[in-house]
């Protein structure tokens, strides 16, 4: 016969939710930082396309 699982405590649930939200905040900060580095021209750790239209004209 099936037995119901134990109920998760509110503190465990809230801890998981806080961790999930913290990860999202960290990723947003990282994306903003990468965007700023691209705009200032100091980007070094990744490759991104630059003006694809100019390559087609030449």
C-alpha atoms as a PDB file:
ATOM      1  CA  UNK A   1       0.000   0.000   0.000  1.00  0.00           C
ATOM      2  CA  UNK A   2       1.262   3.511  -0.831  1.00  0.00           C
ATOM      3  CA  UNK A   3       2.505   5.640   2.045  1.00  0.00           C
ATOM      4  CA  UNK A   4       2.619   9.440   1.820  1.00  0.00           C
ATOM      5  CA  UNK A   5       6.016  11.077   2.002  1.00  0.00           C
ATOM      6  CA  UNK A   6       7.032  13.187   4.964  1.00  0.00           C
ATOM      7  CA  UNK A   7       6.165  16.874   4.743  1.00  0.00           C
ATOM      8  CA  UNK A   8       9.075  19.191   3.984  1.00  0.00           C
ATOM      9  CA  UNK A   9       9.596  21.793   6.674  1.00  0.00           C
ATOM     10  CA  UNK A  10       9.105  25.470   5.853  1.00  0.00           C
ATOM     11  CA  UNK A  11      12.748  26.228   6.628  1.00  0.00           C
ATOM     12  CA  UNK A  12      14.011  23.622   4.135  1.00  0.00           C
ATOM     13  CA  UNK A  13      11.582  24.888   1.496  1.00  0.00           C
ATOM     14  CA  UNK A  14      12.607  28.515   2.074  1.00  0.00           C
ATOM     15  CA  UNK A  15      16.301  27.604   2.035  1.00  0.00           C
ATOM     16  CA  UNK A  16      15.918  25.920  -1.370  1.00  0.00           C
ATOM     17  CA  UNK A  17      13.990  28.885  -2.753  1.00  0.00           C
ATOM     18  CA  UNK A  18      16.591  31.372  -1.455  1.00  0.00           C
ATOM     19  CA  UNK A  19      19.403  29.357  -3.065  1.00  0.00           C
ATOM     20  CA  UNK A  20      17.547  29.296  -6.373  1.00  0.00           C
ATOM     21  CA  UNK A  21      16.964  33.057  -6.281  1.00  0.00           C
ATOM     22  CA  UNK A  22      20.605  33.719  -5.328  1.00  0.00           C
ATOM     23  CA  UNK A  23      21.757  31.777  -8.388  1.00  0.00           C
ATOM     24  CA  UNK A  24      19.521  33.898 -10.622  1.00  0.00           C
ATOM     25  CA  UNK A  25      20.891  37.118  -9.103  1.00  0.00           C
ATOM     26  CA  UNK A  26      24.468  35.933  -9.618  1.00  0.00           C
ATOM     27  CA  UNK A  27      23.807  35.072 -13.273  1.00  0.00           C
ATOM     28  CA  UNK A  28      22.195  38.476 -13.880  1.00  0.00           C
ATOM     29  CA  UNK A  29      25.214  40.263 -12.391  1.00  0.00           C
ATOM     30  CA  UNK A  30      27.559  38.160 -14.517  1.00  0.00           C
ATOM     31  CA  UNK A  31      25.615  38.938 -17.710  1.00  0.00           C
ATOM     32  CA  UNK A  32      25.649  42.657 -16.910  1.00  0.00           C
ATOM     33  CA  UNK A  33      29.384  42.553 -16.281  1.00  0.00           C
ATOM     34  CA  UNK A  34      30.029  40.785 -19.596  1.00  0.00           C
ATOM     35  CA  UNK A  35      27.860  43.318 -21.416  1.00  0.00           C
ATOM     36  CA  UNK A  36      29.754  46.222 -19.870  1.00  0.00           C
ATOM     37  CA  UNK A  37      33.116  44.691 -20.788  1.00  0.00           C
ATOM     38  CA  UNK A  38      31.985  44.290 -24.401  1.00  0.00           C
ATOM     39  CA  UNK A  39      30.877  47.921 -24.585  1.00  0.00           C
ATOM     40  CA  UNK A  40      34.154  49.202 -23.120  1.00  0.00           C
ATOM     41  CA  UNK A  41      36.229  46.934 -25.376  1.00  0.00           C
ATOM     42  CA  UNK A  42      37.902  45.065 -22.515  1.00  0.00           C
ATOM     43  CA  UNK A  43      36.307  41.690 -23.261  1.00  0.00           C
ATOM     44  CA  UNK A  44      38.907  38.899 -23.441  1.00  0.00           C
ATOM     45  CA  UNK A  45      37.439  35.636 -22.166  1.00  0.00           C
ATOM     46  CA  UNK A  46      34.964  34.803 -24.925  1.00  0.00           C
ATOM     47  CA  UNK A  47      34.269  35.186 -28.653  1.00  0.00           C
ATOM     48  CA  UNK A  48      31.336  37.114 -30.094  1.00  0.00           C
ATOM     49  CA  UNK A  49      30.501  38.211 -33.656  1.00  0.00           C
ATOM     50  CA  UNK A  50      31.494  41.751 -34.574  1.00  0.00           C
ATOM     51  CA  UNK A  51      29.538  43.613 -37.253  1.00  0.00           C
ATOM     52  CA  UNK A  52      28.573  40.757 -39.570  1.00  0.00           C
ATOM     53  CA  UNK A  53      27.379  43.290 -42.191  1.00  0.00           C
ATOM     54  CA  UNK A  54      30.904  44.618 -42.753  1.00  0.00           C
ATOM     55  CA  UNK A  55      32.255  41.124 -43.464  1.00  0.00           C
ATOM     56  CA  UNK A  56      29.631  40.530 -46.162  1.00  0.00           C
ATOM     57  CA  UNK A  57      30.396  43.821 -47.970  1.00  0.00           C
ATOM     58  CA  UNK A  58      34.113  43.103 -48.372  1.00  0.00           C
END
